[in-house]
Amino acid sequence: PRLLTAIEEASKKGSLQLLELNLSNNKMTPEEGLQLAHILGTTKAAAGIVLAACGLEWRVIAAIIYQLLTNEAIREDGKLDLSNNNLGLDGAKVIANIFVL
């Protein structure tokens, strides 16, 4: 939580410009995942976000994807790694619907 709080404070001040964020294998509660989603919705120029094996539930993953898709400052050619999280079949269906035009 301290790391996310520090990242969020830097983001609020406008001094956060991520090139890559790798929080792999750092287990997060749903609240921490949603805090991260909010941060990603306001951060600038992230080219790579790696959240593999963080124990994220599909609702949190959906929130992260939504924030990234609505953040105009995020690079379109960036990478997002959400592998080895708790997506499940229902989550996969919801996430797939996010990308349906």
PDB file of N, CA and C in Angstrom:
ATOM      1  N   PRO A   1       0.807  -1.212   0.000  1.00  0.00           N
ATOM      2  CA  PRO A   1       0.000   0.000   0.000  1.00  0.00           C
ATOM      3  C   PRO A   1       0.843   1.266   0.000  1.00  0.00           C
ATOM      4  N   ARG A   2       1.995   1.255   0.658  1.00  0.00           N
ATOM      5  CA  ARG A   2       2.830   2.460   0.694  1.00  0.00           C
ATOM      6  C   ARG A   2       3.322   2.822  -0.692  1.00  0.00           C
ATOM      7  N   LEU A   3       3.684   1.814  -1.484  1.00  0.00           N
ATOM      8  CA  LEU A   3       4.153   2.081  -2.834  1.00  0.00           C
ATOM      9  C   LEU A   3       3.036   2.680  -3.674  1.00  0.00           C
ATOM     10  N   LEU A   4       1.840   2.095  -3.599  1.00  0.00           N
ATOM     11  CA  LEU A   4       0.715   2.634  -4.362  1.00  0.00           C
ATOM     12  C   LEU A   4       0.365   4.045  -3.922  1.00  0.00           C
ATOM     13  N   THR A   5       0.448   4.306  -2.630  1.00  0.00           N
ATOM     14  CA  THR A   5       0.175   5.650  -2.123  1.00  0.00           C
ATOM     15  C   THR A   5       1.202   6.636  -2.666  1.00  0.00           C
ATOM     16  N   ALA A   6       2.464   6.256  -2.688  1.00  0.00           N
ATOM     17  CA  ALA A   6       3.515   7.136  -3.215  1.00  0.00           C
ATOM     18  C   ALA A   6       3.315   7.394  -4.706  1.00  0.00           C
ATOM     19  N   ILE A   7       2.949   6.341  -5.450  1.00  0.00           N
ATOM     20  CA  ILE A   7       2.693   6.505  -6.880  1.00  0.00           C
ATOM     21  C   ILE A   7       1.494   7.425  -7.099  1.00  0.00           C
ATOM     22  N   GLU A   8       0.451   7.231  -6.300  1.00  0.00           N
ATOM     23  CA  GLU A   8      -0.751   8.056  -6.440  1.00  0.00           C
ATOM     24  C   GLU A   8      -0.456   9.517  -6.126  1.00  0.00           C
ATOM     25  N   GLU A   9       0.334   9.782  -5.093  1.00  0.00           N
ATOM     26  CA  GLU A   9       0.681  11.165  -4.751  1.00  0.00           C
ATOM     27  C   GLU A   9       1.475  11.827  -5.870  1.00  0.00           C
ATOM     28  N   ALA A  10       2.422  11.105  -6.453  1.00  0.00           N
ATOM     29  CA  ALA A  10       3.199  11.658  -7.568  1.00  0.00           C
ATOM     30  C   ALA A  10       2.292  11.924  -8.761  1.00  0.00           C
ATOM     31  N   SER A  11       1.328  11.045  -8.983  1.00  0.00           N
ATOM     32  CA  SER A  11       0.386  11.225 -10.089  1.00  0.00           C
ATOM     33  C   SER A  11      -0.469  12.469  -9.883  1.00  0.00           C
ATOM     34  N   LYS A  12      -0.929  12.690  -8.658  1.00  0.00           N
ATOM     35  CA  LYS A  12      -1.757  13.861  -8.355  1.00  0.00           C
ATOM     36  C   LYS A  12      -0.992  15.154  -8.567  1.00  0.00           C
ATOM     37  N   LYS A  13       0.310  15.123  -8.291  1.00  0.00           N
ATOM     38  CA  LYS A  13       1.138  16.322  -8.453  1.00  0.00           C
ATOM     39  C   LYS A  13       1.521  16.555  -9.908  1.00  0.00           C
ATOM     40  N   GLY A  14       1.204  15.588 -10.766  1.00  0.00           N
ATOM     41  CA  GLY A  14       1.557  15.722 -12.177  1.00  0.00           C
ATOM     42  C   GLY A  14       3.007  15.389 -12.459  1.00  0.00           C
ATOM     43  N   SER A  15       3.689  14.786 -11.503  1.00  0.00           N
ATOM     44  CA  SER A  15       5.101  14.492 -11.683  1.00  0.00           C
ATOM     45  C   SER A  15       5.363  13.021 -11.989  1.00  0.00           C
ATOM     46  N   LEU A  16       4.317  12.266 -12.295  1.00  0.00           N
ATOM     47  CA  LEU A  16       4.475  10.847 -12.581  1.00  0.00           C
ATOM     48  C   LEU A  16       4.359  10.611 -14.068  1.00  0.00           C
ATOM     49  N   GLN A  17       5.448  10.152 -14.669  1.00  0.00           N
ATOM     50  CA  GLN A  17       5.442   9.789 -16.078  1.00  0.00           C
ATOM     51  C   GLN A  17       6.112   8.423 -16.187  1.00  0.00           C
ATOM     52  N   LEU A  18       5.307   7.380 -16.164  1.00  0.00           N
ATOM     53  CA  LEU A  18       5.824   6.025 -16.173  1.00  0.00           C
ATOM     54  C   LEU A  18       6.255   5.594 -17.566  1.00  0.00           C
ATOM     55  N   LEU A  19       7.405   4.959 -17.635  1.00  0.00           N
ATOM     56  CA  LEU A  19       7.791   4.273 -18.855  1.00  0.00           C
ATOM     57  C   LEU A  19       7.359   2.824 -18.749  1.00  0.00           C
ATOM     58  N   GLU A  20       7.620   2.215 -17.591  1.00  0.00           N
ATOM     59  CA  GLU A  20       7.183   0.853 -17.344  1.00  0.00           C
ATOM     60  C   GLU A  20       6.918   0.687 -15.861  1.00  0.00           C
ATOM     61  N   LEU A  21       5.871  -0.041 -15.574  1.00  0.00           N
ATOM     62  CA  LEU A  21       5.513  -0.351 -14.199  1.00  0.00           C
ATOM     63  C   LEU A  21       5.409  -1.862 -14.099  1.00  0.00           C
ATOM     64  N   ASN A  22       6.265  -2.471 -13.291  1.00  0.00           N
ATOM     65  CA  ASN A  22       6.254  -3.916 -13.121  1.00  0.00           C
ATOM     66  C   ASN A  22       6.020  -4.223 -11.647  1.00  0.00           C
ATOM     67  N   LEU A  23       4.817  -4.663 -11.345  1.00  0.00           N
ATOM     68  CA  LEU A  23       4.454  -5.043  -9.979  1.00  0.00           C
ATOM     69  C   LEU A  23       4.174  -6.543  -9.891  1.00  0.00           C
ATOM     70  N   SER A  24       4.738  -7.309 -10.801  1.00  0.00           N
ATOM     71  CA  SER A  24       4.507  -8.747 -10.839  1.00  0.00           C
ATOM     72  C   SER A  24       4.817  -9.404  -9.512  1.00  0.00           C
ATOM     73  N   ASN A  25       3.994 -10.410  -9.183  1.00  0.00           N
ATOM     74  CA  ASN A  25       4.148 -11.219  -7.975  1.00  0.00           C
ATOM     75  C   ASN A  25       3.960 -10.437  -6.687  1.00  0.00           C
ATOM     76  N   ASN A  26       3.409  -9.256  -6.775  1.00  0.00           N
ATOM     77  CA  ASN A  26       3.051  -8.481  -5.586  1.00  0.00           C
ATOM     78  C   ASN A  26       1.545  -8.638  -5.390  1.00  0.00           C
ATOM     79  N   LYS A  27       1.166  -9.469  -4.459  1.00  0.00           N
ATOM     80  CA  LYS A  27      -0.256  -9.724  -4.223  1.00  0.00           C
ATOM     81  C   LYS A  27      -0.950  -8.436  -3.808  1.00  0.00           C
ATOM     82  N   MET A  28      -2.137  -8.212  -4.383  1.00  0.00           N
ATOM     83  CA  MET A  28      -2.906  -7.009  -4.091  1.00  0.00           C
ATOM     84  C   MET A  28      -4.313  -7.389  -3.660  1.00  0.00           C
ATOM     85  N   THR A  29      -4.830  -6.645  -2.723  1.00  0.00           N
ATOM     86  CA  THR A  29      -6.226  -6.792  -2.351  1.00  0.00           C
ATOM     87  C   THR A  29      -7.064  -6.140  -3.447  1.00  0.00           C
ATOM     88  N   PRO A  30      -8.362  -6.419  -3.492  1.00  0.00           N
ATOM     89  CA  PRO A  30      -9.204  -5.720  -4.470  1.00  0.00           C
ATOM     90  C   PRO A  30      -9.135  -4.199  -4.310  1.00  0.00           C
ATOM     91  N   GLU A  31      -9.059  -3.721  -3.084  1.00  0.00           N
ATOM     92  CA  GLU A  31      -8.977  -2.269  -2.854  1.00  0.00           C
ATOM     93  C   GLU A  31      -7.688  -1.697  -3.437  1.00  0.00           C
ATOM     94  N   GLU A  32      -6.573  -2.408  -3.243  1.00  0.00           N
ATOM     95  CA  GLU A  32      -5.300  -1.939  -3.792  1.00  0.00           C
ATOM     96  C   GLU A  32      -5.323  -1.975  -5.317  1.00  0.00           C
ATOM     97  N   GLY A  33      -5.942  -3.013  -5.881  1.00  0.00           N
ATOM     98  CA  GLY A  33      -6.064  -3.094  -7.338  1.00  0.00           C
ATOM     99  C   GLY A  33      -6.880  -1.952  -7.904  1.00  0.00           C
ATOM    100  N   LEU A  34      -7.960  -1.593  -7.214  1.00  0.00           N
ATOM    101  CA  LEU A  34      -8.784  -0.469  -7.672  1.00  0.00           C
ATOM    102  C   LEU A  34      -8.051   0.857  -7.513  1.00  0.00           C
ATOM    103  N   GLN A  35      -7.240   0.977  -6.460  1.00  0.00           N
ATOM    104  CA  GLN A  35      -6.414   2.172  -6.297  1.00  0.00           C
ATOM    105  C   GLN A  35      -5.435   2.275  -7.463  1.00  0.00           C
ATOM    106  N   LEU A  36      -4.840   1.159  -7.837  1.00  0.00           N
ATOM    107  CA  LEU A  36      -3.923   1.148  -8.974  1.00  0.00           C
ATOM    108  C   LEU A  36      -4.659   1.504 -10.269  1.00  0.00           C
ATOM    109  N   ALA A  37      -5.866   0.979 -10.445  1.00  0.00           N
ATOM    110  CA  ALA A  37      -6.649   1.308 -11.638  1.00  0.00           C
ATOM    111  C   ALA A  37      -6.862   2.814 -11.734  1.00  0.00           C
ATOM    112  N   HIS A  38      -7.198   3.430 -10.627  1.00  0.00           N
ATOM    113  CA  HIS A  38      -7.391   4.884 -10.608  1.00  0.00           C
ATOM    114  C   HIS A  38      -6.102   5.609 -11.003  1.00  0.00           C
ATOM    115  N   ILE A  39      -4.984   5.163 -10.464  1.00  0.00           N
ATOM    116  CA  ILE A  39      -3.688   5.769 -10.793  1.00  0.00           C
ATOM    117  C   ILE A  39      -3.421   5.652 -12.292  1.00  0.00           C
ATOM    118  N   LEU A  40      -3.658   4.472 -12.844  1.00  0.00           N
ATOM    119  CA  LEU A  40      -3.397   4.255 -14.268  1.00  0.00           C
ATOM    120  C   LEU A  40      -4.318   5.087 -15.151  1.00  0.00           C
ATOM    121  N   GLY A  41      -5.454   5.467 -14.621  1.00  0.00           N
ATOM    122  CA  GLY A  41      -6.365   6.315 -15.379  1.00  0.00           C
ATOM    123  C   GLY A  41      -5.898   7.749 -15.488  1.00  0.00           C
ATOM    124  N   THR A  42      -4.949   8.137 -14.650  1.00  0.00           N
ATOM    125  CA  THR A  42      -4.489   9.527 -14.652  1.00  0.00           C
ATOM    126  C   THR A  42      -3.001   9.670 -14.950  1.00  0.00           C
ATOM    127  N   THR A  43      -2.300   8.581 -15.117  1.00  0.00           N
ATOM    128  CA  THR A  43      -0.860   8.658 -15.347  1.00  0.00           C
ATOM    129  C   THR A  43      -0.562   8.966 -16.815  1.00  0.00           C
ATOM    130  N   LYS A  44       0.668   9.332 -17.103  1.00  0.00           N
ATOM    131  CA  LYS A  44       1.045   9.726 -18.462  1.00  0.00           C
ATOM    132  C   LYS A  44       2.059   8.752 -19.051  1.00  0.00           C
ATOM    133  N   ALA A  45       1.880   8.428 -20.324  1.00  0.00           N
ATOM    134  CA  ALA A  45       2.877   7.791 -21.180  1.00  0.00           C
ATOM    135  C   ALA A  45       3.389   6.432 -20.726  1.00  0.00           C
ATOM    136  N   ALA A  46       2.584   5.630 -20.087  1.00  0.00           N
ATOM    137  CA  ALA A  46       3.039   4.295 -19.706  1.00  0.00           C
ATOM    138  C   ALA A  46       3.151   3.426 -20.952  1.00  0.00           C
ATOM    139  N   ALA A  47       4.325   2.853 -21.155  1.00  0.00           N
ATOM    140  CA  ALA A  47       4.548   1.996 -22.317  1.00  0.00           C
ATOM    141  C   ALA A  47       4.429   0.524 -21.953  1.00  0.00           C
ATOM    142  N   GLY A  48       4.640   0.202 -20.703  1.00  0.00           N
ATOM    143  CA  GLY A  48       4.564  -1.186 -20.283  1.00  0.00           C
ATOM    144  C   GLY A  48       4.039  -1.303 -18.872  1.00  0.00           C
ATOM    145  N   ILE A  49       3.012  -2.113 -18.701  1.00  0.00           N
ATOM    146  CA  ILE A  49       2.446  -2.342 -17.378  1.00  0.00           C
ATOM    147  C   ILE A  49       2.385  -3.846 -17.183  1.00  0.00           C
ATOM    148  N   VAL A  50       3.113  -4.335 -16.201  1.00  0.00           N
ATOM    149  CA  VAL A  50       3.206  -5.763 -15.949  1.00  0.00           C
ATOM    150  C   VAL A  50       2.648  -6.039 -14.559  1.00  0.00           C
ATOM    151  N   LEU A  51       1.537  -6.744 -14.537  1.00  0.00           N
ATOM    152  CA  LEU A  51       0.845  -7.068 -13.286  1.00  0.00           C
ATOM    153  C   LEU A  51       0.603  -8.572 -13.208  1.00  0.00           C
ATOM    154  N   ALA A  52       1.572  -9.344 -13.648  1.00  0.00           N
ATOM    155  CA  ALA A  52       1.438 -10.798 -13.656  1.00  0.00           C
ATOM    156  C   ALA A  52       1.456 -11.344 -12.229  1.00  0.00           C
ATOM    157  N   ALA A  53       0.587 -12.309 -11.979  1.00  0.00           N
ATOM    158  CA  ALA A  53       0.549 -13.042 -10.705  1.00  0.00           C
ATOM    159  C   ALA A  53       0.400 -12.125  -9.495  1.00  0.00           C
ATOM    160  N   CYS A  54      -0.491 -11.167  -9.609  1.00  0.00           N
ATOM    161  CA  CYS A  54      -0.750 -10.242  -8.495  1.00  0.00           C
ATOM    162  C   CYS A  54      -1.991 -10.634  -7.691  1.00  0.00           C
ATOM    163  N   GLY A  55      -2.635 -11.722  -8.075  1.00  0.00           N
ATOM    164  CA  GLY A  55      -3.837 -12.151  -7.376  1.00  0.00           C
ATOM    165  C   GLY A  55      -5.044 -11.271  -7.648  1.00  0.00           C
ATOM    166  N   LEU A  56      -5.049 -10.612  -8.808  1.00  0.00           N
ATOM    167  CA  LEU A  56      -6.131  -9.693  -9.139  1.00  0.00           C
ATOM    168  C   LEU A  56      -7.379 -10.447  -9.573  1.00  0.00           C
ATOM    169  N   GLU A  57      -8.531 -10.018  -9.079  1.00  0.00           N
ATOM    170  CA  GLU A  57      -9.810 -10.589  -9.482  1.00  0.00           C
ATOM    171  C   GLU A  57     -10.263  -9.943 -10.784  1.00  0.00           C
ATOM    172  N   TRP A  58     -11.197 -10.605 -11.485  1.00  0.00           N
ATOM    173  CA  TRP A  58     -11.594 -10.114 -12.795  1.00  0.00           C
ATOM    174  C   TRP A  58     -12.219  -8.731 -12.742  1.00  0.00           C
ATOM    175  N   ARG A  59     -12.917  -8.400 -11.656  1.00  0.00           N
ATOM    176  CA  ARG A  59     -13.523  -7.060 -11.567  1.00  0.00           C
ATOM    177  C   ARG A  59     -12.444  -5.977 -11.517  1.00  0.00           C
ATOM    178  N   VAL A  60     -11.356  -6.271 -10.834  1.00  0.00           N
ATOM    179  CA  VAL A  60     -10.239  -5.327 -10.753  1.00  0.00           C
ATOM    180  C   VAL A  60      -9.534  -5.251 -12.105  1.00  0.00           C
ATOM    181  N   ILE A  61      -9.340  -6.393 -12.745  1.00  0.00           N
ATOM    182  CA  ILE A  61      -8.721  -6.415 -14.072  1.00  0.00           C
ATOM    183  C   ILE A  61      -9.560  -5.594 -15.055  1.00  0.00           C
ATOM    184  N   ALA A  62     -10.875  -5.746 -15.002  1.00  0.00           N
ATOM    185  CA  ALA A  62     -11.756  -4.968 -15.875  1.00  0.00           C
ATOM    186  C   ALA A  62     -11.610  -3.476 -15.597  1.00  0.00           C
ATOM    187  N   ALA A  63     -11.513  -3.098 -14.330  1.00  0.00           N
ATOM    188  CA  ALA A  63     -11.344  -1.682 -13.970  1.00  0.00           C
ATOM    189  C   ALA A  63     -10.020  -1.145 -14.503  1.00  0.00           C
ATOM    190  N   ILE A  64      -8.965  -1.937 -14.394  1.00  0.00           N
ATOM    191  CA  ILE A  64      -7.652  -1.513 -14.900  1.00  0.00           C
ATOM    192  C   ILE A  64      -7.712  -1.314 -16.413  1.00  0.00           C
ATOM    193  N   ILE A  65      -8.275  -2.279 -17.115  1.00  0.00           N
ATOM    194  CA  ILE A  65      -8.380  -2.167 -18.578  1.00  0.00           C
ATOM    195  C   ILE A  65      -9.214  -0.948 -18.965  1.00  0.00           C
ATOM    196  N   TYR A  66     -10.325  -0.750 -18.299  1.00  0.00           N
ATOM    197  CA  TYR A  66     -11.185   0.402 -18.598  1.00  0.00           C
ATOM    198  C   TYR A  66     -10.418   1.707 -18.409  1.00  0.00           C
ATOM    199  N   GLN A  67      -9.705   1.838 -17.294  1.00  0.00           N
ATOM    200  CA  GLN A  67      -8.952   3.070 -17.035  1.00  0.00           C
ATOM    201  C   GLN A  67      -7.881   3.297 -18.099  1.00  0.00           C
ATOM    202  N   LEU A  68      -7.215   2.233 -18.504  1.00  0.00           N
ATOM    203  CA  LEU A  68      -6.183   2.369 -19.535  1.00  0.00           C
ATOM    204  C   LEU A  68      -6.786   2.769 -20.878  1.00  0.00           C
ATOM    205  N   LEU A  69      -7.937   2.195 -21.208  1.00  0.00           N
ATOM    206  CA  LEU A  69      -8.567   2.513 -22.489  1.00  0.00           C
ATOM    207  C   LEU A  69      -9.125   3.930 -22.541  1.00  0.00           C
ATOM    208  N   THR A  70      -9.475   4.486 -21.397  1.00  0.00           N
ATOM    209  CA  THR A  70     -10.044   5.829 -21.375  1.00  0.00           C
ATOM    210  C   THR A  70      -8.999   6.910 -21.103  1.00  0.00           C
ATOM    211  N   ASN A  71      -7.775   6.508 -20.831  1.00  0.00           N
ATOM    212  CA  ASN A  71      -6.701   7.465 -20.571  1.00  0.00           C
ATOM    213  C   ASN A  71      -6.017   7.801 -21.892  1.00  0.00           C
ATOM    214  N   GLU A  72      -6.240   8.999 -22.385  1.00  0.00           N
ATOM    215  CA  GLU A  72      -5.699   9.411 -23.681  1.00  0.00           C
ATOM    216  C   GLU A  72      -4.177   9.547 -23.674  1.00  0.00           C
ATOM    217  N   ALA A  73      -3.566   9.629 -22.503  1.00  0.00           N
ATOM    218  CA  ALA A  73      -2.117   9.796 -22.428  1.00  0.00           C
ATOM    219  C   ALA A  73      -1.365   8.471 -22.518  1.00  0.00           C
ATOM    220  N   ILE A  74      -2.072   7.360 -22.400  1.00  0.00           N
ATOM    221  CA  ILE A  74      -1.413   6.054 -22.465  1.00  0.00           C
ATOM    222  C   ILE A  74      -1.075   5.750 -23.914  1.00  0.00           C
ATOM    223  N   ARG A  75       0.131   5.251 -24.126  1.00  0.00           N
ATOM    224  CA  ARG A  75       0.583   4.925 -25.473  1.00  0.00           C
ATOM    225  C   ARG A  75      -0.205   3.756 -26.039  1.00  0.00           C
ATOM    226  N   GLU A  76      -0.600   3.881 -27.281  1.00  0.00           N
ATOM    227  CA  GLU A  76      -1.367   2.827 -27.932  1.00  0.00           C
ATOM    228  C   GLU A  76      -0.540   1.584 -28.198  1.00  0.00           C
ATOM    229  N   ASP A  77       0.758   1.711 -28.310  1.00  0.00           N
ATOM    230  CA  ASP A  77       1.605   0.565 -28.611  1.00  0.00           C
ATOM    231  C   ASP A  77       2.204  -0.064 -27.353  1.00  0.00           C
ATOM    232  N   GLY A  78       1.697   0.318 -26.205  1.00  0.00           N
ATOM    233  CA  GLY A  78       2.217  -0.221 -24.954  1.00  0.00           C
ATOM    234  C   GLY A  78       1.795  -1.662 -24.720  1.00  0.00           C
ATOM    235  N   LYS A  79       2.417  -2.274 -23.741  1.00  0.00           N
ATOM    236  CA  LYS A  79       2.061  -3.659 -23.422  1.00  0.00           C
ATOM    237  C   LYS A  79       1.390  -3.706 -22.052  1.00  0.00           C
ATOM    238  N   LEU A  80       0.536  -4.687 -21.903  1.00  0.00           N
ATOM    239  CA  LEU A  80      -0.155  -4.922 -20.642  1.00  0.00           C
ATOM    240  C   LEU A  80      -0.113  -6.413 -20.379  1.00  0.00           C
ATOM    241  N   ASP A  81       0.512  -6.804 -19.284  1.00  0.00           N
ATOM    242  CA  ASP A  81       0.608  -8.219 -18.916  1.00  0.00           C
ATOM    243  C   ASP A  81      -0.192  -8.444 -17.647  1.00  0.00           C
ATOM    244  N   LEU A  82      -1.300  -9.162 -17.785  1.00  0.00           N
ATOM    245  CA  LEU A  82      -2.161  -9.503 -16.646  1.00  0.00           C
ATOM    246  C   LEU A  82      -2.210 -11.020 -16.459  1.00  0.00           C
ATOM    247  N   SER A  83      -1.198 -11.706 -16.915  1.00  0.00           N
ATOM    248  CA  SER A  83      -1.189 -13.164 -16.861  1.00  0.00           C
ATOM    249  C   SER A  83      -1.155 -13.680 -15.422  1.00  0.00           C
ATOM    250  N   ASN A  84      -1.658 -14.882 -15.264  1.00  0.00           N
ATOM    251  CA  ASN A  84      -1.635 -15.590 -13.983  1.00  0.00           C
ATOM    252  C   ASN A  84      -2.360 -14.854 -12.862  1.00  0.00           C
ATOM    253  N   ASN A  85      -3.477 -14.240 -13.197  1.00  0.00           N
ATOM    254  CA  ASN A  85      -4.359 -13.643 -12.198  1.00  0.00           C
ATOM    255  C   ASN A  85      -5.647 -14.455 -12.165  1.00  0.00           C
ATOM    256  N   ASN A  86      -6.609 -14.025 -11.384  1.00  0.00           N
ATOM    257  CA  ASN A  86      -7.831 -14.792 -11.157  1.00  0.00           C
ATOM    258  C   ASN A  86      -8.961 -14.341 -12.071  1.00  0.00           C
ATOM    259  N   LEU A  87      -8.800 -14.568 -13.368  1.00  0.00           N
ATOM    260  CA  LEU A  87      -9.785 -14.107 -14.335  1.00  0.00           C
ATOM    261  C   LEU A  87     -11.025 -15.007 -14.368  1.00  0.00           C
ATOM    262  N   GLY A  88     -10.844 -16.277 -14.544  1.00  0.00           N
ATOM    263  CA  GLY A  88     -11.964 -17.203 -14.605  1.00  0.00           C
ATOM    264  C   GLY A  88     -12.781 -17.024 -15.880  1.00  0.00           C
ATOM    265  N   LEU A  89     -13.723 -17.942 -16.108  1.00  0.00           N
ATOM    266  CA  LEU A  89     -14.528 -17.918 -17.328  1.00  0.00           C
ATOM    267  C   LEU A  89     -15.438 -16.696 -17.389  1.00  0.00           C
ATOM    268  N   ASP A  90     -16.128 -16.390 -16.294  1.00  0.00           N
ATOM    269  CA  ASP A  90     -17.016 -15.227 -16.291  1.00  0.00           C
ATOM    270  C   ASP A  90     -16.235 -13.940 -16.519  1.00  0.00           C
ATOM    271  N   GLY A  91     -15.087 -13.836 -15.909  1.00  0.00           N
ATOM    272  CA  GLY A  91     -14.242 -12.663 -16.105  1.00  0.00           C
ATOM    273  C   GLY A  91     -13.749 -12.548 -17.530  1.00  0.00           C
ATOM    274  N   ALA A  92     -13.396 -13.685 -18.124  1.00  0.00           N
ATOM    275  CA  ALA A  92     -12.927 -13.676 -19.515  1.00  0.00           C
ATOM    276  C   ALA A  92     -14.015 -13.160 -20.442  1.00  0.00           C
ATOM    277  N   LYS A  93     -15.256 -13.546 -20.178  1.00  0.00           N
ATOM    278  CA  LYS A  93     -16.377 -13.073 -21.004  1.00  0.00           C
ATOM    279  C   LYS A  93     -16.560 -11.564 -20.860  1.00  0.00           C
ATOM    280  N   VAL A  94     -16.476 -11.069 -19.634  1.00  0.00           N
ATOM    281  CA  VAL A  94     -16.632  -9.626 -19.398  1.00  0.00           C
ATOM    282  C   VAL A  94     -15.508  -8.849 -20.071  1.00  0.00           C
ATOM    283  N   ILE A  95     -14.276  -9.322 -19.899  1.00  0.00           N
ATOM    284  CA  ILE A  95     -13.118  -8.644 -20.495  1.00  0.00           C
ATOM    285  C   ILE A  95     -13.240  -8.657 -22.021  1.00  0.00           C
ATOM    286  N   ALA A  96     -13.653  -9.775 -22.591  1.00  0.00           N
ATOM    287  CA  ALA A  96     -13.811  -9.853 -24.048  1.00  0.00           C
ATOM    288  C   ALA A  96     -14.828  -8.827 -24.534  1.00  0.00           C
ATOM    289  N   ASN A  97     -15.883  -8.631 -23.784  1.00  0.00           N
ATOM    290  CA  ASN A  97     -16.913  -7.660 -24.181  1.00  0.00           C
ATOM    291  C   ASN A  97     -16.404  -6.215 -24.153  1.00  0.00           C
ATOM    292  N   ILE A  98     -15.382  -5.952 -23.370  1.00  0.00           N
ATOM    293  CA  ILE A  98     -14.799  -4.607 -23.343  1.00  0.00           C
ATOM    294  C   ILE A  98     -14.239  -4.255 -24.716  1.00  0.00           C
ATOM    295  N   PHE A  99     -13.715  -5.258 -25.408  1.00  0.00           N
ATOM    296  CA  PHE A  99     -13.037  -5.017 -26.683  1.00  0.00           C
ATOM    297  C   PHE A  99     -13.938  -5.183 -27.900  1.00  0.00           C
ATOM    298  N   VAL A 100     -15.202  -5.506 -27.701  1.00  0.00           N
ATOM    299  CA  VAL A 100     -16.145  -5.638 -28.800  1.00  0.00           C
ATOM    300  C   VAL A 100     -16.581  -4.246 -29.229  1.00  0.00           C
ATOM    301  N   LEU A 101     -16.529  -4.003 -30.509  1.00  0.00           N
ATOM    302  CA  LEU A 101     -16.909  -2.683 -31.022  1.00  0.00           C
ATOM    303  C   LEU A 101     -18.395  -2.570 -31.206  1.00  0.00           C
TER     304      LEU A 101
END
